[in-house]
Amino acid sequence: MEDKRWRQVMEKEIKAIRKNDTWELSNLPKGHQAIGVKWVFKIKKNAKGEVERCEERLVAKEYKQQHGVDYDEVFAPIARMETICLLISIATQMGQEEKVLKLKMA
């Protein structure tokens, strides 16, 4: 994979992070260290083994965090499959139109 393609997807990710106000800059409390980040890269290939697209994400190095020092609780909103099925069932009963969408930057 060309460096240029990776650079493009990285720049796109940074723009999306800024656009979505993913984080805000703040002063680091005395005696604390900033949690670093790293890039994770993945190449998606089609059935023929050809490169289809490059995927990347910027992730926090959570393994360096200490409970009670760097954070108190962790929250990750995840929809359970039962909830999704229930919502689809209700929408179908109400005659709602089906839509398929892919969430980016979720």
N, C-alpha and C. Protein backbone atom coordinates (compact mmCIF):
# COMPACT_ATOMS: atom_id res chain seq x y z
N MET A 1 0.85 -1.19 0.00
CA MET A 1 0.00 0.00 0.00
C MET A 1 0.89 1.24 0.00
N GLU A 2 0.51 2.19 -0.81
CA GLU A 2 1.29 3.42 -0.90
C GLU A 2 1.14 4.26 0.37
N ASP A 3 2.22 4.93 0.73
CA ASP A 3 2.17 5.84 1.88
C ASP A 3 1.13 6.93 1.65
N LYS A 4 0.98 7.37 0.40
CA LYS A 4 0.04 8.44 0.06
C LYS A 4 -1.40 8.06 0.42
N ARG A 5 -1.77 6.81 0.15
CA ARG A 5 -3.14 6.36 0.47
C ARG A 5 -3.37 6.35 1.98
N TRP A 6 -2.38 5.88 2.73
CA TRP A 6 -2.52 5.85 4.18
C TRP A 6 -2.62 7.27 4.72
N ARG A 7 -1.82 8.16 4.16
CA ARG A 7 -1.84 9.56 4.61
C ARG A 7 -3.23 10.16 4.37
N GLN A 8 -3.84 9.84 3.22
CA GLN A 8 -5.16 10.37 2.90
C GLN A 8 -6.22 9.88 3.90
N VAL A 9 -6.20 8.58 4.22
CA VAL A 9 -7.20 8.07 5.15
C VAL A 9 -6.95 8.59 6.56
N MET A 10 -5.69 8.81 6.91
CA MET A 10 -5.38 9.38 8.23
C MET A 10 -5.87 10.82 8.32
N GLU A 11 -5.66 11.60 7.27
CA GLU A 11 -6.13 12.98 7.26
C GLU A 11 -7.66 13.04 7.33
N LYS A 12 -8.31 12.11 6.64
CA LYS A 12 -9.78 12.04 6.68
C LYS A 12 -10.27 11.74 8.10
N GLU A 13 -9.59 10.82 8.77
CA GLU A 13 -9.95 10.47 10.15
C GLU A 13 -9.78 11.67 11.09
N ILE A 14 -8.66 12.37 10.97
CA ILE A 14 -8.41 13.55 11.81
C ILE A 14 -9.47 14.62 11.57
N LYS A 15 -9.84 14.85 10.31
CA LYS A 15 -10.88 15.84 9.99
C LYS A 15 -12.21 15.45 10.63
N ALA A 16 -12.56 14.16 10.56
CA ALA A 16 -13.81 13.69 11.15
C ALA A 16 -13.79 13.83 12.67
N ILE A 17 -12.65 13.54 13.29
CA ILE A 17 -12.52 13.68 14.74
C ILE A 17 -12.75 15.13 15.14
N ARG A 18 -12.16 16.05 14.40
CA ARG A 18 -12.34 17.48 14.70
C ARG A 18 -13.78 17.92 14.46
N LYS A 19 -14.35 17.49 13.34
CA LYS A 19 -15.72 17.87 12.99
C LYS A 19 -16.72 17.38 14.04
N ASN A 20 -16.51 16.17 14.54
CA ASN A 20 -17.44 15.57 15.50
C ASN A 20 -17.15 15.97 16.95
N ASP A 21 -16.19 16.86 17.17
CA ASP A 21 -15.81 17.27 18.53
C ASP A 21 -15.58 16.05 19.42
N THR A 22 -14.80 15.11 18.91
CA THR A 22 -14.54 13.86 19.63
C THR A 22 -13.84 14.10 20.96
N TRP A 23 -12.96 15.09 21.01
CA TRP A 23 -12.29 15.40 22.25
C TRP A 23 -12.07 16.89 22.35
N GLU A 24 -11.69 17.32 23.51
CA GLU A 24 -11.37 18.74 23.70
C GLU A 24 -10.03 18.83 24.43
N LEU A 25 -9.29 19.85 24.09
CA LEU A 25 -8.00 20.06 24.75
C LEU A 25 -8.22 20.65 26.13
N SER A 26 -7.43 20.21 27.08
CA SER A 26 -7.53 20.74 28.44
C SER A 26 -6.14 20.70 29.07
N ASN A 27 -6.01 21.37 30.19
CA ASN A 27 -4.74 21.35 30.91
C ASN A 27 -4.60 20.04 31.66
N LEU A 28 -3.44 19.47 31.60
CA LEU A 28 -3.16 18.21 32.27
C LEU A 28 -2.91 18.48 33.75
N PRO A 29 -3.65 17.80 34.64
CA PRO A 29 -3.43 18.01 36.08
C PRO A 29 -1.99 17.68 36.47
N LYS A 30 -1.49 18.39 37.44
CA LYS A 30 -0.12 18.19 37.91
C LYS A 30 0.06 16.74 38.38
N GLY A 31 1.16 16.16 37.99
CA GLY A 31 1.47 14.79 38.41
C GLY A 31 0.85 13.71 37.53
N HIS A 32 0.12 14.10 36.49
CA HIS A 32 -0.50 13.13 35.59
C HIS A 32 0.21 13.11 34.25
N GLN A 33 0.15 11.98 33.58
CA GLN A 33 0.71 11.86 32.25
C GLN A 33 -0.42 11.71 31.25
N ALA A 34 -0.23 12.29 30.07
CA ALA A 34 -1.24 12.16 29.02
C ALA A 34 -1.27 10.72 28.51
N ILE A 35 -2.47 10.27 28.16
CA ILE A 35 -2.63 8.94 27.56
C ILE A 35 -2.34 9.09 26.07
N GLY A 36 -1.45 8.29 25.57
CA GLY A 36 -1.07 8.38 24.17
C GLY A 36 -2.11 7.74 23.25
N VAL A 37 -1.91 7.93 21.98
CA VAL A 37 -2.76 7.32 20.96
C VAL A 37 -1.87 6.60 19.95
N LYS A 38 -2.48 5.71 19.20
CA LYS A 38 -1.74 5.04 18.13
C LYS A 38 -2.71 4.75 16.99
N TRP A 39 -2.16 4.62 15.80
CA TRP A 39 -2.94 4.29 14.62
C TRP A 39 -3.03 2.78 14.46
N VAL A 40 -4.21 2.29 14.09
CA VAL A 40 -4.41 0.88 13.77
C VAL A 40 -4.83 0.83 12.31
N PHE A 41 -4.13 0.06 11.50
CA PHE A 41 -4.37 0.00 10.06
C PHE A 41 -4.87 -1.38 9.65
N LYS A 42 -5.74 -1.40 8.65
CA LYS A 42 -6.25 -2.66 8.13
C LYS A 42 -6.48 -2.50 6.63
N ILE A 43 -6.10 -3.50 5.87
CA ILE A 43 -6.34 -3.49 4.43
C ILE A 43 -7.47 -4.47 4.14
N LYS A 44 -8.54 -3.98 3.52
CA LYS A 44 -9.68 -4.82 3.16
C LYS A 44 -9.50 -5.27 1.71
N LYS A 45 -9.62 -6.57 1.49
CA LYS A 45 -9.46 -7.12 0.14
C LYS A 45 -10.77 -7.75 -0.33
N ASN A 46 -10.97 -7.77 -1.65
CA ASN A 46 -12.16 -8.40 -2.20
C ASN A 46 -11.91 -9.90 -2.37
N ALA A 47 -12.88 -10.61 -2.97
CA ALA A 47 -12.78 -12.06 -3.13
C ALA A 47 -11.58 -12.47 -3.99
N LYS A 48 -11.15 -11.58 -4.87
CA LYS A 48 -10.00 -11.88 -5.74
C LYS A 48 -8.67 -11.60 -5.05
N GLY A 49 -8.72 -11.08 -3.84
CA GLY A 49 -7.49 -10.77 -3.12
C GLY A 49 -6.92 -9.41 -3.45
N GLU A 50 -7.69 -8.61 -4.18
CA GLU A 50 -7.25 -7.26 -4.55
C GLU A 50 -7.61 -6.28 -3.44
N VAL A 51 -6.77 -5.28 -3.26
CA VAL A 51 -7.03 -4.27 -2.24
C VAL A 51 -8.29 -3.50 -2.61
N GLU A 52 -9.27 -3.52 -1.71
CA GLU A 52 -10.53 -2.82 -1.95
C GLU A 52 -10.50 -1.44 -1.31
N ARG A 53 -10.02 -1.39 -0.07
CA ARG A 53 -9.92 -0.10 0.62
C ARG A 53 -8.98 -0.24 1.82
N CYS A 54 -8.56 0.90 2.29
CA CYS A 54 -7.70 0.97 3.48
C CYS A 54 -8.54 1.50 4.63
N GLU A 55 -8.44 0.87 5.76
CA GLU A 55 -9.16 1.35 6.94
C GLU A 55 -8.14 1.67 8.03
N GLU A 56 -8.47 2.67 8.80
CA GLU A 56 -7.60 3.08 9.89
C GLU A 56 -8.46 3.61 11.01
N ARG A 57 -7.90 3.61 12.19
CA ARG A 57 -8.57 4.28 13.30
C ARG A 57 -7.51 4.71 14.30
N LEU A 58 -7.81 5.77 14.96
CA LEU A 58 -6.92 6.32 15.98
C LEU A 58 -7.47 5.87 17.33
N VAL A 59 -6.67 5.14 18.08
CA VAL A 59 -7.15 4.58 19.35
C VAL A 59 -6.28 5.05 20.51
N ALA A 60 -6.90 5.14 21.67
CA ALA A 60 -6.17 5.50 22.89
C ALA A 60 -5.42 4.28 23.40
N LYS A 61 -4.28 4.52 23.98
CA LYS A 61 -3.50 3.44 24.60
C LYS A 61 -4.05 3.24 26.01
N GLU A 62 -5.23 2.64 26.06
CA GLU A 62 -5.94 2.49 27.34
C GLU A 62 -5.17 1.67 28.35
N TYR A 63 -4.31 0.80 27.89
CA TYR A 63 -3.58 -0.07 28.81
C TYR A 63 -2.66 0.72 29.74
N LYS A 64 -2.46 1.99 29.45
CA LYS A 64 -1.62 2.82 30.32
C LYS A 64 -2.45 3.58 31.36
N GLN A 65 -3.77 3.44 31.31
CA GLN A 65 -4.62 4.14 32.27
C GLN A 65 -4.73 3.35 33.57
N GLN A 66 -4.90 4.10 34.66
CA GLN A 66 -5.07 3.48 35.97
C GLN A 66 -6.43 3.88 36.53
N HIS A 67 -7.22 2.87 36.92
CA HIS A 67 -8.53 3.13 37.49
C HIS A 67 -8.38 3.96 38.75
N GLY A 68 -9.21 4.98 38.87
CA GLY A 68 -9.16 5.85 40.04
C GLY A 68 -8.17 6.99 39.90
N VAL A 69 -7.26 6.88 38.93
CA VAL A 69 -6.29 7.95 38.68
C VAL A 69 -6.64 8.66 37.38
N ASP A 70 -6.74 7.90 36.30
CA ASP A 70 -7.02 8.47 34.98
C ASP A 70 -8.52 8.47 34.65
N TYR A 71 -9.28 7.61 35.29
CA TYR A 71 -10.72 7.53 35.04
C TYR A 71 -11.42 6.89 36.22
N ASP A 72 -12.72 7.13 36.32
CA ASP A 72 -13.52 6.51 37.38
C ASP A 72 -14.44 5.43 36.83
N GLU A 73 -15.00 5.69 35.64
CA GLU A 73 -15.88 4.71 35.04
C GLU A 73 -15.70 4.73 33.52
N VAL A 74 -16.12 3.65 32.89
CA VAL A 74 -16.01 3.53 31.44
C VAL A 74 -17.42 3.35 30.90
N PHE A 75 -17.70 4.03 29.80
CA PHE A 75 -19.03 3.93 29.20
C PHE A 75 -18.88 3.71 27.70
N ALA A 76 -19.50 2.66 27.20
CA ALA A 76 -19.49 2.38 25.76
C ALA A 76 -20.91 2.04 25.34
N PRO A 77 -21.61 2.99 24.69
CA PRO A 77 -22.99 2.73 24.29
C PRO A 77 -23.06 1.69 23.18
N ILE A 78 -23.66 0.56 23.49
CA ILE A 78 -23.78 -0.53 22.52
C ILE A 78 -25.23 -1.00 22.51
N ALA A 79 -25.80 -1.08 21.32
CA ALA A 79 -27.18 -1.56 21.19
C ALA A 79 -27.17 -3.08 21.19
N ARG A 80 -28.01 -3.67 22.02
CA ARG A 80 -28.13 -5.12 22.05
C ARG A 80 -28.95 -5.58 20.86
N MET A 81 -28.65 -6.76 20.33
CA MET A 81 -29.36 -7.28 19.16
C MET A 81 -30.85 -7.40 19.43
N GLU A 82 -31.23 -7.76 20.66
CA GLU A 82 -32.65 -7.87 21.00
C GLU A 82 -33.36 -6.53 20.84
N THR A 83 -32.69 -5.46 21.24
CA THR A 83 -33.26 -4.12 21.13
C THR A 83 -33.43 -3.73 19.67
N ILE A 84 -32.45 -4.02 18.85
CA ILE A 84 -32.54 -3.71 17.43
C ILE A 84 -33.69 -4.48 16.78
N CYS A 85 -33.80 -5.77 17.10
CA CYS A 85 -34.89 -6.59 16.55
C CYS A 85 -36.25 -6.06 16.98
N LEU A 86 -36.37 -5.65 18.23
CA LEU A 86 -37.63 -5.10 18.73
C LEU A 86 -38.00 -3.83 17.98
N LEU A 87 -37.05 -2.94 17.78
CA LEU A 87 -37.31 -1.70 17.07
C LEU A 87 -37.71 -1.96 15.62
N ILE A 88 -37.07 -2.92 14.97
CA ILE A 88 -37.44 -3.27 13.59
C ILE A 88 -38.85 -3.83 13.55
N SER A 89 -39.18 -4.67 14.53
CA SER A 89 -40.52 -5.25 14.61
C SER A 89 -41.59 -4.18 14.79
N ILE A 90 -41.35 -3.24 15.69
CA ILE A 90 -42.30 -2.15 15.93
C ILE A 90 -42.45 -1.30 14.67
N ALA A 91 -41.34 -0.98 14.02
CA ALA A 91 -41.38 -0.17 12.80
C ALA A 91 -42.16 -0.88 11.70
N THR A 92 -41.98 -2.19 11.59
CA THR A 92 -42.71 -2.97 10.58
C THR A 92 -44.20 -2.95 10.86
N GLN A 93 -44.59 -3.13 12.12
CA GLN A 93 -46.00 -3.10 12.49
C GLN A 93 -46.63 -1.74 12.23
N MET A 94 -45.83 -0.69 12.33
CA MET A 94 -46.33 0.67 12.10
C MET A 94 -46.29 1.04 10.61
N GLY A 95 -45.82 0.11 9.77
CA GLY A 95 -45.77 0.37 8.34
C GLY A 95 -44.65 1.29 7.92
N GLN A 96 -43.61 1.36 8.74
CA GLN A 96 -42.49 2.24 8.41
C GLN A 96 -41.66 1.64 7.28
N GLU A 97 -41.08 2.51 6.49
CA GLU A 97 -40.25 2.09 5.38
C GLU A 97 -38.90 1.60 5.89
N GLU A 98 -38.39 0.54 5.26
CA GLU A 98 -37.09 0.01 5.67
C GLU A 98 -35.97 0.87 5.12
N LYS A 99 -34.97 1.09 5.92
CA LYS A 99 -33.78 1.84 5.49
C LYS A 99 -32.55 1.08 5.99
N VAL A 100 -31.53 1.09 5.20
CA VAL A 100 -30.26 0.50 5.60
C VAL A 100 -29.23 1.61 5.59
N LEU A 101 -28.48 1.73 6.67
CA LEU A 101 -27.45 2.76 6.70
C LEU A 101 -26.22 2.25 7.40
N LYS A 102 -25.11 2.81 7.01
CA LYS A 102 -23.84 2.46 7.64
C LYS A 102 -23.38 3.69 8.40
N LEU A 103 -23.12 3.50 9.67
CA LEU A 103 -22.67 4.61 10.49
C LEU A 103 -21.17 4.76 10.36
N LYS A 104 -20.75 5.96 10.01
CA LYS A 104 -19.33 6.24 9.95
C LYS A 104 -18.95 6.99 11.21
N MET A 105 -17.74 6.75 11.66
CA MET A 105 -17.24 7.42 12.86
C MET A 105 -18.10 7.10 14.07
N ALA A 106 -18.61 5.90 14.11
CA ALA A 106 -19.46 5.52 15.24
C ALA A 106 -18.62 5.15 16.42
